[in-house]
Each structure stands twice: as structure tokens, then as C-alpha cells.
Amino acid sequence: MSESAFAAPHGRDAISVLRDAATIRRRCGAITQAVSEGRSSNFKLDRSRLDEVAARVERVTRTTYPDLRIPFHSRWRHFESGGIDRKVEMDEAMAGRTMEDQARARIDLTVVSVLLDAGAGPNWRYLEADSGQTFTRSEGLGVASWHAFQQGLFSDTPGDRLRADAAALQRLDVSALRSSFQVSSGNPLVGLKGRVALLNRLGAALAADHGMGARPGALFDQLTGQIAGASASQEAGHHIAAAQVLRAVLDAFSSIWLTGSMLQGVPLGDVWPHRWAGGESKSDGGHGTTDDWVPFHKLSQWLSYSLLEPLMWAGVKVSGLDALTGLPEYRNGGLLLDGGVIVPRDPRLLEKRWKVSDEFIIEWRALTVSLIDELAPLVRERLGKTAEEMPLACILEGGTWAAGREIARELRDGSPPLAIDSDGTVF
């Protein structure tokens, strides 16, 4: 049965509702309201601490970007780790290609790299041979995936290493990724098998739709409404909204997320049930198909943020950046926990090990989305910037993610305040 067969309130397809960026904010807002009203046994809120957290974000932002020229929160920032502009190297390797072909290659790289960007664990390191620098965590994963892509690990096209093909992604095995990412008994990488399986499923999804030569870069053609070889300057592909990018990502890759969340036989991905999430039909007393489900789509949103620059570099104008939300994960959510804004009712709850599907984690993530929205205008005010001058993508980069990492180092060894079992397909 096709996804469109599932009727939803107000004539909207049920799956469409859960893939709509606006639904993320509405459902998270409903949960946040319930917590604010004291209905949660897990958390209470101390919004008086928001200004203190905003001051930290301001300080970190000014330190990192003293001229306040802040780029988007994006995987492309990790490709700049160690002060190296690796994009220039790729641009030189693609000299002579059309703008559209370059965009497809950058999107191939972005998709594969983001899907490999789950938590690395505290002990993994990546030594970059060219620079002699060692990188860890997200930066290390970014640099490692960059080199794997440049070396053709994901290509099945002779003479073209700078692409990711369905056939190569399906064929990828643990041994190949282990070698490329320098994993050993003394250099363990958390979730290695899960990462490989995710890329295998990506390859299968691409092949099912478009054959073994299909590639993630086809998103460029889908989003701009072009056929191969058409010009990005054509009116049909000249302007898109950020929410369209997220929707295209979710439509194209939803089948690869095997979180266990299902709605009438369709895998939902990073979408979870919560009794306070509300829904489209609560106001009229009905009970819609998607009621009490809250979508987060963290990795898909992270991917969407990371696709904005490759699209813009190809001449595509992207509007409505703040339709996407703050990313509900360890660093943004950790900043709010460590900063005392989100307060567990029992401190011992922070000592437990949680599942992604636990109510405690779902509430924490929903609160993160809503409270990052509340934090954003406080940060802009301190920096003297408008929402147009500093969209949420810049606040995250400046920003909340870096401040979350900083406070984690101050309070612990840099590890997040929560321990969550994850196979790398959510965080």
C-alpha cells in the first residue's frame, strides 16, 4: 500500500503531516506546554536561567566568530577542521565540470558524511596523513568521511571517484569502513556496524527507485525541478524553501531509518509517541491518525542544514531558513540541561542509561526544540542582530552547539549529561 493511502485530518496525508517541519514545532510546543504546567514527572523548567545560557552562547560566538560573520551549522564546518579549507581541494578536483555536476557531487558527499555522523565515542581518533593532525568526535568523523569520499570508497563509476552510487553503497562492508576510518581494537568507533548498515539501506533505497547507478545527488535535480544538464539559473530551480529541502530528504530516504516507529505499516524514522504531543484533530474532539506522535527528524534536519550551502553554491536561492528547528541532540539539549533550564525532577535520572524511545528522552528532546526557539531571540539581542541577519542555522553554529560542548567539558570530561543507547540512526 502506498503512503498516500493513509488519510489524515483536514485532507492531509498522515505521513505528510509527520514530515512537515511545522509539525515538529507544534508537537514539541504541546509537550513543552504540558511540562510548563507541571504535568511532567520527569522535568520542570527554570526559564530564569535562559539569560545566563544566552550569555554563554554570546561569549562562545564572539570568541569563535569575532566579526560575527557566522556560517550555517553544517557538516561543511567539520570539513574545515584544523583550519584547512578542504572545499578548495574538491573544487580543484572538479574543475571543468558543470555547476550542476559539482552540486551533485557535493550533495553525494554531504549525504554520505551526515549518515556517518553518529556519536564516535570518547576513544576514537582519526589521523589525517596530509596535515598530520588528529581529529576526534564529529570533526574526526567529518574528516574521515571526507577522505573516504575523495578516495572513491562510495563510487561505482570508473574514472569518477567523486560520487556515491547505489551499487557501491550496497556493497560497502564493515571491513572497508573500518580500514578507511582507522578503526582497531585500540581505536574503537562506536556503532561501526550500524553505520555500514545505514549506508547499505541508503544504497538499496536509491536502487529501488532509480537503479544501481542512482546517487544521492539526484536530490539536486528533484529540488530544482531540472533534468540532468539543465541550468541552475532556470526559473524552475531558482528558488526553494528550507522546508522543501527537509521534505525532499524525508521523502527520499525515509525507508532507511529503522527506529521501530511505524504508522500503519510505514516506517516513520525519528518520530515517537507521547501522550501530550496532541495532533491535527484534537481541537474538534476527533482522533487523527498522527495524533500523539512527535517528529524530530534530527539527522534529516542536520542533513537539510548541511545541504543549504551546496544548493546556494549552485546558484539556488533558499528562503525560510527558520522553518527548520534546533537539533534535539546531545549538545543543544545538553546545554539546556547543564545550564539549568531543563531540570530533572530527580537528579538520579541523569545517572540512568536510556533508550531513544523512552518518555524521558522524548520529553527532553521536545523541550530542546522549543527552548532553543526561546533562546534564539535572547542571543540575537545580545549580539545586536535581527532574525534575518542571524537565522537559527547561524545561532546553532555560533552558538548553542559549541556552548553545549564547552559546558560539558567544564562539568565532566566532555561527555553529554545523558547516556542514551543508540545505533547511530537517531543521534
Protein backbone atom coordinates (compact mmCIF):
# COMPACT_ATOMS: atom_id res chain seq x y z
CA MET A 1 0.00 0.00 0.00
CA SER A 2 1.35 3.42 -0.85
CA GLU A 3 1.99 6.06 1.83
CA SER A 4 -0.59 8.34 0.23
CA ALA A 5 -3.32 5.82 1.05
CA PHE A 6 -3.32 6.86 4.71
CA ALA A 7 -5.97 9.51 5.19
CA ALA A 8 -5.28 12.16 7.81
CA PRO A 9 -7.15 15.10 9.33
CA HIS A 10 -8.15 18.02 7.15
CA GLY A 11 -7.43 16.09 3.96
CA ARG A 12 -3.67 15.85 4.59
CA ASP A 13 -1.81 12.62 4.09
CA ALA A 14 -0.78 11.26 7.51
CA ILE A 15 2.83 10.76 6.54
CA SER A 16 2.94 14.29 5.10
CA VAL A 17 1.86 15.67 8.46
CA LEU A 18 4.77 13.96 10.20
CA ARG A 19 7.24 15.11 7.53
CA ASP A 20 6.18 18.74 7.79
CA ALA A 21 8.72 20.95 9.57
CA ALA A 22 5.88 22.94 11.15
CA THR A 23 4.56 19.77 12.82
CA ILE A 24 7.85 19.37 14.69
CA ARG A 25 7.41 22.75 16.38
CA ARG A 26 3.70 22.28 17.10
CA ARG A 27 4.08 18.87 18.71
CA CYS A 28 7.20 19.86 20.68
CA GLY A 29 5.37 23.00 21.78
CA ALA A 30 2.46 20.96 23.09
CA ILE A 31 4.79 18.80 25.18
CA THR A 32 6.67 21.87 26.44
CA GLN A 33 3.39 23.46 27.49
CA ALA A 34 2.48 20.37 29.50
CA VAL A 35 5.85 20.42 31.24
CA SER A 36 5.47 24.15 31.93
CA GLU A 37 2.12 23.43 33.58
CA GLY A 38 3.77 20.96 35.95
CA ARG A 39 2.26 17.82 34.46
CA SER A 40 5.57 16.02 33.90
CA SER A 41 7.03 13.57 36.38
CA ASN A 42 10.34 13.83 34.52
CA PHE A 43 11.15 17.53 34.22
CA LYS A 44 10.42 21.04 35.35
CA LEU A 45 11.65 24.23 33.70
CA ASP A 46 13.62 27.16 35.05
CA ARG A 47 13.36 29.80 32.36
CA SER A 48 15.12 32.30 34.63
CA ARG A 49 18.34 30.56 33.59
CA LEU A 50 17.81 31.24 29.88
CA ASP A 51 19.57 34.61 30.00
CA GLU A 52 22.62 33.06 31.63
CA VAL A 53 22.71 30.43 28.89
CA ALA A 54 22.29 33.18 26.27
CA ALA A 55 25.30 34.98 27.75
CA ARG A 56 27.37 31.81 27.38
CA VAL A 57 26.26 31.39 23.76
CA GLU A 58 27.12 35.04 23.09
CA ARG A 59 30.60 34.64 24.56
CA VAL A 60 31.33 31.44 22.65
CA THR A 61 30.03 33.01 19.43
CA ARG A 62 32.13 36.16 19.79
CA THR A 63 35.22 34.07 20.58
CA THR A 64 34.77 31.80 17.58
CA TYR A 65 33.47 34.42 15.15
CA PRO A 66 34.71 37.83 16.41
CA ASP A 67 33.49 39.54 13.23
CA LEU A 68 30.05 37.91 13.73
CA ARG A 69 30.17 36.57 10.18
CA ILE A 70 28.73 33.24 11.20
CA PRO A 71 28.20 30.47 8.66
CA PHE A 72 25.40 27.92 8.81
CA HIS A 73 25.50 24.98 11.18
CA SER A 74 26.52 22.37 8.65
CA ARG A 75 28.61 19.29 8.02
CA TRP A 76 30.74 21.60 5.90
CA ARG A 77 32.10 23.21 9.07
CA HIS A 78 33.62 19.84 10.03
CA PHE A 79 35.24 19.69 6.59
CA GLU A 80 37.10 22.85 7.67
CA SER A 81 38.51 21.24 10.82
CA GLY A 82 42.10 22.06 11.65
CA GLY A 83 41.91 25.34 9.77
CA ILE A 84 42.02 23.58 6.38
CA ASP A 85 39.67 24.66 3.59
CA ARG A 86 39.13 21.23 2.09
CA LYS A 87 36.38 22.52 -0.19
CA VAL A 88 39.04 24.27 -2.26
CA GLU A 89 40.75 20.91 -2.83
CA MET A 90 37.50 19.35 -4.02
CA ASP A 91 36.71 22.35 -6.20
CA GLU A 92 40.08 21.98 -7.91
CA ALA A 93 39.45 18.27 -8.46
CA MET A 94 36.12 19.14 -10.10
CA ALA A 95 37.48 21.85 -12.39
CA GLY A 96 35.81 21.62 -15.77
CA ARG A 97 32.60 20.10 -14.51
CA THR A 98 29.33 21.97 -14.85
CA MET A 99 27.91 23.78 -11.85
CA GLU A 100 25.14 21.17 -11.69
CA ASP A 101 27.57 18.25 -11.71
CA GLN A 102 29.59 19.89 -8.97
CA ALA A 103 26.42 20.34 -6.90
CA ARG A 104 25.53 16.65 -7.29
CA ALA A 105 29.00 15.61 -6.12
CA ARG A 106 28.82 17.91 -3.09
CA ILE A 107 25.38 16.55 -2.23
CA ASP A 108 26.64 12.96 -2.58
CA LEU A 109 29.43 13.80 -0.13
CA THR A 110 27.11 15.61 2.27
CA VAL A 111 24.52 12.83 2.44
CA VAL A 112 27.04 10.06 3.00
CA SER A 113 29.03 12.06 5.54
CA VAL A 114 25.98 13.08 7.59
CA LEU A 115 24.75 9.50 7.71
CA LEU A 116 28.14 8.51 9.10
CA ASP A 117 27.93 11.24 11.74
CA ALA A 118 26.64 9.40 14.78
CA GLY A 119 28.49 9.71 18.07
CA ALA A 120 32.03 8.44 17.72
CA GLY A 121 32.55 7.59 21.38
CA PRO A 122 35.28 9.02 23.63
CA ASN A 123 38.24 6.90 22.47
CA TRP A 124 38.23 7.06 18.67
CA ARG A 125 40.78 9.18 16.81
CA TYR A 126 41.45 9.89 13.15
CA LEU A 127 44.96 10.85 11.99
CA GLU A 128 44.92 12.86 8.78
CA ALA A 129 48.01 11.87 6.82
CA ASP A 130 48.31 15.07 4.78
CA SER A 131 48.16 17.51 7.68
CA GLY A 132 49.48 15.30 10.46
CA GLN A 133 46.58 16.46 12.64
CA THR A 134 44.44 14.16 14.78
CA PHE A 135 40.69 14.70 14.99
CA THR A 136 38.03 13.24 17.29
CA ARG A 137 34.26 13.08 17.60
CA SER A 138 32.20 14.88 14.93
CA GLU A 139 35.23 16.65 13.45
CA GLY A 140 37.05 13.35 13.13
CA LEU A 141 34.07 11.66 11.51
CA GLY A 142 33.74 14.57 9.11
CA VAL A 143 37.39 14.50 8.07
CA ALA A 144 37.43 10.69 7.83
CA SER A 145 34.32 10.62 5.65
CA TRP A 146 35.74 13.44 3.51
CA HIS A 147 38.85 11.40 2.69
CA ALA A 148 36.85 8.21 2.16
CA PHE A 149 34.74 10.07 -0.39
CA GLN A 150 37.72 11.68 -2.13
CA GLN A 151 39.33 8.25 -2.41
CA GLY A 152 36.27 6.82 -4.16
CA LEU A 153 35.04 4.48 -1.42
CA PHE A 154 31.40 5.16 -2.32
CA SER A 155 31.76 5.31 -6.13
CA ASP A 156 30.94 2.54 -8.59
CA THR A 157 31.66 4.71 -11.62
CA PRO A 158 35.04 4.08 -13.31
CA GLY A 159 37.07 7.24 -13.66
CA ASP A 160 34.92 9.24 -11.22
CA ARG A 161 35.76 8.90 -7.56
CA LEU A 162 33.76 11.97 -6.50
CA ARG A 163 30.33 10.42 -6.31
CA ALA A 164 28.24 7.95 -4.32
CA ASP A 165 26.42 5.24 -6.28
CA ALA A 166 23.70 2.88 -5.11
CA ALA A 167 25.77 -0.16 -6.09
CA ALA A 168 28.83 0.91 -4.11
CA LEU A 169 26.75 1.85 -1.07
CA GLN A 170 25.01 -1.53 -1.09
CA ARG A 171 28.35 -3.30 -1.43
CA LEU A 172 30.09 -1.39 1.38
CA ASP A 173 31.11 -3.67 4.24
CA VAL A 174 32.41 -3.26 7.77
CA SER A 175 35.95 -4.15 6.79
CA ALA A 176 36.17 -1.36 4.22
CA LEU A 177 34.80 1.31 6.56
CA ARG A 178 36.94 0.04 9.44
CA SER A 179 40.06 0.45 7.34
CA SER A 180 39.06 3.85 5.98
CA PHE A 181 38.20 5.18 9.45
CA GLN A 182 41.34 3.68 11.06
CA VAL A 183 39.28 1.58 13.49
CA SER A 184 41.10 -1.05 15.55
CA SER A 185 40.91 -2.69 18.96
CA GLY A 186 42.96 0.21 20.27
CA ASN A 187 40.95 2.80 18.34
CA PRO A 188 37.30 1.72 18.70
CA LEU A 189 34.47 3.52 16.90
CA VAL A 190 31.03 3.20 18.45
CA GLY A 191 28.32 1.84 16.12
CA LEU A 192 30.53 0.87 13.18
CA LYS A 193 28.19 -1.90 12.02
CA GLY A 194 25.16 0.36 12.35
CA ARG A 195 26.78 3.00 10.14
CA VAL A 196 27.56 0.46 7.43
CA ALA A 197 24.05 -0.96 7.58
CA LEU A 198 22.60 2.55 7.24
CA LEU A 199 24.62 3.23 4.08
CA ASN A 200 23.65 -0.20 2.75
CA ARG A 201 20.00 0.72 3.21
CA LEU A 202 20.62 4.07 1.53
CA GLY A 203 22.01 2.22 -1.47
CA ALA A 204 19.05 -0.13 -1.52
CA ALA A 205 16.58 2.76 -1.36
CA LEU A 206 18.30 4.57 -4.22
CA ALA A 207 18.47 1.41 -6.34
CA ALA A 208 14.80 0.61 -5.72
CA ASP A 209 13.78 3.99 -7.11
CA HIS A 210 16.31 4.63 -9.86
CA GLY A 211 18.59 1.63 -10.39
CA MET A 212 22.09 0.71 -9.31
CA GLY A 213 23.62 3.89 -10.73
CA ALA A 214 21.36 6.15 -8.69
CA ARG A 215 23.02 8.66 -6.39
CA PRO A 216 22.01 10.97 -3.52
CA GLY A 217 23.00 13.92 -5.70
CA ALA A 218 19.78 13.39 -7.65
CA LEU A 219 18.23 15.48 -4.87
CA PHE A 220 19.63 18.50 -6.68
CA ASP A 221 17.55 17.73 -9.76
CA GLN A 222 14.49 16.95 -7.68
CA LEU A 223 14.71 20.16 -5.68
CA THR A 224 15.42 22.41 -8.62
CA GLY A 225 12.99 20.71 -10.97
CA GLN A 226 15.64 20.09 -13.56
CA ILE A 227 16.73 17.27 -15.78
CA ALA A 228 20.41 16.41 -16.00
CA GLY A 229 22.35 19.12 -17.74
CA ALA A 230 19.76 21.87 -17.26
CA SER A 231 20.90 25.22 -15.94
CA ALA A 232 20.52 26.17 -12.28
CA SER A 233 19.66 29.67 -13.41
CA GLN A 234 16.39 28.48 -14.92
CA GLU A 235 13.36 29.88 -13.15
CA ALA A 236 12.06 26.43 -12.14
CA GLY A 237 15.11 25.80 -9.99
CA HIS A 238 15.92 29.33 -8.92
CA HIS A 239 14.22 29.44 -5.51
CA ILE A 240 13.25 26.86 -2.88
CA ALA A 241 12.26 26.95 0.78
CA ALA A 242 14.25 25.20 3.51
CA ALA A 243 11.16 23.21 4.48
CA GLN A 244 11.11 21.82 0.95
CA VAL A 245 14.65 20.57 1.41
CA LEU A 246 13.68 18.71 4.58
CA ARG A 247 10.60 17.25 2.93
CA ALA A 248 12.62 16.06 -0.07
CA VAL A 249 15.17 14.43 2.25
CA LEU A 250 12.44 12.67 4.22
CA ASP A 251 10.60 11.52 1.11
CA ALA A 252 13.77 10.20 -0.49
CA PHE A 253 15.37 8.49 2.48
CA SER A 254 12.62 7.65 4.98
CA SER A 255 12.92 3.91 4.40
CA ILE A 256 16.49 3.79 5.72
CA TRP A 257 15.52 4.77 9.29
CA LEU A 258 14.68 1.58 11.15
CA THR A 259 13.88 3.06 14.55
CA GLY A 260 10.89 0.79 15.10
CA SER A 261 8.40 3.65 14.94
CA MET A 262 5.67 2.66 12.49
CA LEU A 263 2.34 4.10 11.41
CA GLN A 264 0.05 1.71 9.55
CA GLY A 265 3.00 -0.23 8.20
CA VAL A 266 5.12 2.78 7.18
CA PRO A 267 8.46 3.36 8.95
CA LEU A 268 8.45 6.85 10.44
CA GLY A 269 12.08 7.25 11.40
CA ASP A 270 12.83 9.74 14.18
CA VAL A 271 9.17 10.06 15.25
CA TRP A 272 7.94 8.91 18.66
CA PRO A 273 4.68 8.56 20.60
CA HIS A 274 3.96 10.89 23.50
CA ARG A 275 0.62 11.45 25.19
CA TRP A 276 0.99 15.25 25.22
CA ALA A 277 2.03 15.70 21.60
CA GLY A 278 -1.53 16.49 20.53
CA GLY A 279 -2.38 16.45 16.87
CA GLU A 280 -4.32 17.88 13.99
CA SER A 281 -7.74 16.83 15.23
CA LYS A 282 -7.62 17.44 18.98
CA SER A 283 -9.43 20.75 18.71
CA ASP A 284 -12.59 19.20 17.30
CA GLY A 285 -12.65 16.20 19.60
CA GLY A 286 -11.59 13.68 16.99
CA HIS A 287 -8.55 11.45 16.97
CA GLY A 288 -6.43 11.74 13.84
CA THR A 289 -4.06 9.14 12.51
CA THR A 290 -0.95 11.03 13.62
CA ASP A 291 -2.22 12.31 16.96
CA ASP A 292 0.16 11.76 19.89
CA TRP A 293 3.18 11.31 17.62
CA VAL A 294 6.00 13.86 17.82
CA PRO A 295 8.50 14.07 14.93
CA PHE A 296 12.08 15.25 15.45
CA HIS A 297 13.92 14.12 12.30
CA LYS A 298 17.22 15.15 13.86
CA LEU A 299 19.60 13.59 11.34
CA SER A 300 17.36 14.58 8.44
CA GLN A 301 17.31 18.17 9.67
CA TRP A 302 21.08 18.10 10.17
CA LEU A 303 21.35 16.84 6.59
CA SER A 304 18.99 19.56 5.39
CA TYR A 305 21.04 22.28 7.10
CA SER A 306 24.15 20.78 5.51
CA LEU A 307 22.61 20.81 2.02
CA LEU A 308 21.85 24.55 2.08
CA GLU A 309 25.34 25.64 1.08
CA PRO A 310 25.80 23.13 -1.77
CA LEU A 311 22.49 24.37 -3.18
CA MET A 312 23.45 28.03 -2.77
CA TRP A 313 26.89 27.44 -4.33
CA ALA A 314 25.00 26.17 -7.38
CA GLY A 315 23.05 29.42 -7.64
CA VAL A 316 19.87 28.27 -5.91
CA LYS A 317 18.22 30.76 -3.56
CA VAL A 318 16.97 29.20 -0.32
CA SER A 319 14.42 31.03 1.84
CA GLY A 320 12.57 30.33 5.08
CA LEU A 321 15.65 29.06 6.90
CA ASP A 322 13.98 29.25 10.30
CA ALA A 323 11.34 26.73 9.27
CA LEU A 324 13.89 24.13 10.39
CA THR A 325 14.31 23.72 14.14
CA GLY A 326 17.08 23.48 16.66
CA LEU A 327 18.53 19.99 16.57
CA PRO A 328 17.31 17.89 19.52
CA GLU A 329 20.53 16.12 20.41
CA TYR A 330 23.34 15.90 22.94
CA ARG A 331 24.90 19.35 22.55
CA ASN A 332 21.87 21.62 22.23
CA GLY A 333 19.86 19.57 24.71
CA GLY A 334 22.91 19.15 26.90
CA LEU A 335 23.42 22.92 27.05
CA LEU A 336 19.89 23.35 28.40
CA LEU A 337 20.30 20.55 30.94
CA ASP A 338 23.75 21.61 32.10
CA GLY A 339 22.66 25.26 32.07
CA GLY A 340 19.83 24.51 34.49
CA VAL A 341 16.96 25.44 32.16
CA ILE A 342 15.68 21.87 31.84
CA VAL A 343 15.66 20.40 35.34
CA PRO A 344 15.11 16.69 36.06
CA ARG A 345 12.71 16.25 38.97
CA ASP A 346 15.01 13.56 40.31
CA PRO A 347 18.76 14.18 39.69
CA ARG A 348 19.33 10.43 39.77
CA LEU A 349 17.55 10.23 36.40
CA LEU A 350 20.71 11.66 34.83
CA GLU A 351 22.64 8.62 36.05
CA LYS A 352 20.46 6.11 34.18
CA ARG A 353 21.09 4.73 30.72
CA TRP A 354 18.17 5.47 28.43
CA LYS A 355 16.66 4.29 25.19
CA VAL A 356 15.76 6.78 22.47
CA SER A 357 12.14 5.67 22.76
CA ASP A 358 11.87 6.38 26.50
CA GLU A 359 9.40 9.08 27.54
CA PHE A 360 12.16 10.86 29.46
CA ILE A 361 14.25 11.24 26.30
CA ILE A 362 11.28 12.20 24.11
CA GLU A 363 10.35 14.98 26.55
CA TRP A 364 13.94 16.22 26.81
CA ARG A 365 14.21 16.42 23.02
CA ALA A 366 10.85 18.20 22.66
CA LEU A 367 11.88 20.72 25.31
CA THR A 368 15.15 21.26 23.46
CA VAL A 369 13.36 22.21 20.24
CA SER A 370 11.03 24.67 21.99
CA LEU A 371 13.62 26.22 24.29
CA ILE A 372 16.19 26.77 21.56
CA ASP A 373 13.46 28.85 19.89
CA GLU A 374 13.08 30.83 23.13
CA LEU A 375 16.85 31.20 23.48
CA ALA A 376 17.42 32.45 19.93
CA PRO A 377 15.98 35.98 20.32
CA LEU A 378 17.94 36.46 23.56
CA VAL A 379 21.17 35.59 21.73
CA ARG A 380 20.31 37.88 18.81
CA GLU A 381 19.62 40.75 21.19
CA ARG A 382 23.00 40.32 22.87
CA LEU A 383 24.75 40.21 19.50
CA GLY A 384 22.77 43.10 18.06
CA LYS A 385 21.43 41.02 15.18
CA THR A 386 18.00 40.58 13.66
CA ALA A 387 16.41 37.25 12.79
CA GLU A 388 17.13 37.95 9.12
CA GLU A 389 20.79 38.70 9.86
CA MET A 390 21.19 35.69 12.15
CA PRO A 391 18.86 32.81 11.30
CA LEU A 392 18.68 29.82 13.59
CA ALA A 393 21.22 27.97 11.41
CA CYS A 394 23.81 30.59 12.47
CA ILE A 395 22.80 30.59 16.14
CA LEU A 396 23.29 26.82 16.24
CA GLU A 397 26.73 27.18 14.68
CA GLY A 398 27.84 30.20 16.66
CA GLY A 399 26.47 29.07 19.03
CA THR A 400 24.39 26.67 21.01
CA TRP A 401 26.15 23.53 19.78
CA ALA A 402 29.61 24.84 20.69
CA ALA A 403 28.37 26.14 24.04
CA GLY A 404 26.89 22.73 24.80
CA ARG A 405 30.24 21.12 24.12
CA GLU A 406 32.04 23.75 26.25
CA ILE A 407 29.85 23.32 29.31
CA ALA A 408 30.14 19.53 29.03
CA ARG A 409 33.92 19.88 29.22
CA GLU A 410 33.65 22.15 32.25
CA LEU A 411 31.32 19.84 34.17
CA ARG A 412 32.60 16.44 33.04
CA ASP A 413 35.08 15.02 30.56
CA GLY A 414 33.16 16.47 27.63
CA SER A 415 30.64 13.67 27.58
CA PRO A 416 26.93 14.57 27.36
CA PRO A 417 24.83 14.79 30.54
CA LEU A 418 22.71 11.84 29.40
CA ALA A 419 23.68 8.31 28.42
CA ILE A 420 21.50 7.01 25.59
CA ASP A 421 21.70 3.69 23.78
CA SER A 422 21.72 4.50 20.07
CA ASP A 423 22.78 2.65 16.93
CA GLY A 424 23.66 5.88 15.17
CA THR A 425 20.41 6.29 13.26
CA VAL A 426 18.91 8.95 15.55
CA PHE A 427 21.82 10.88 17.11
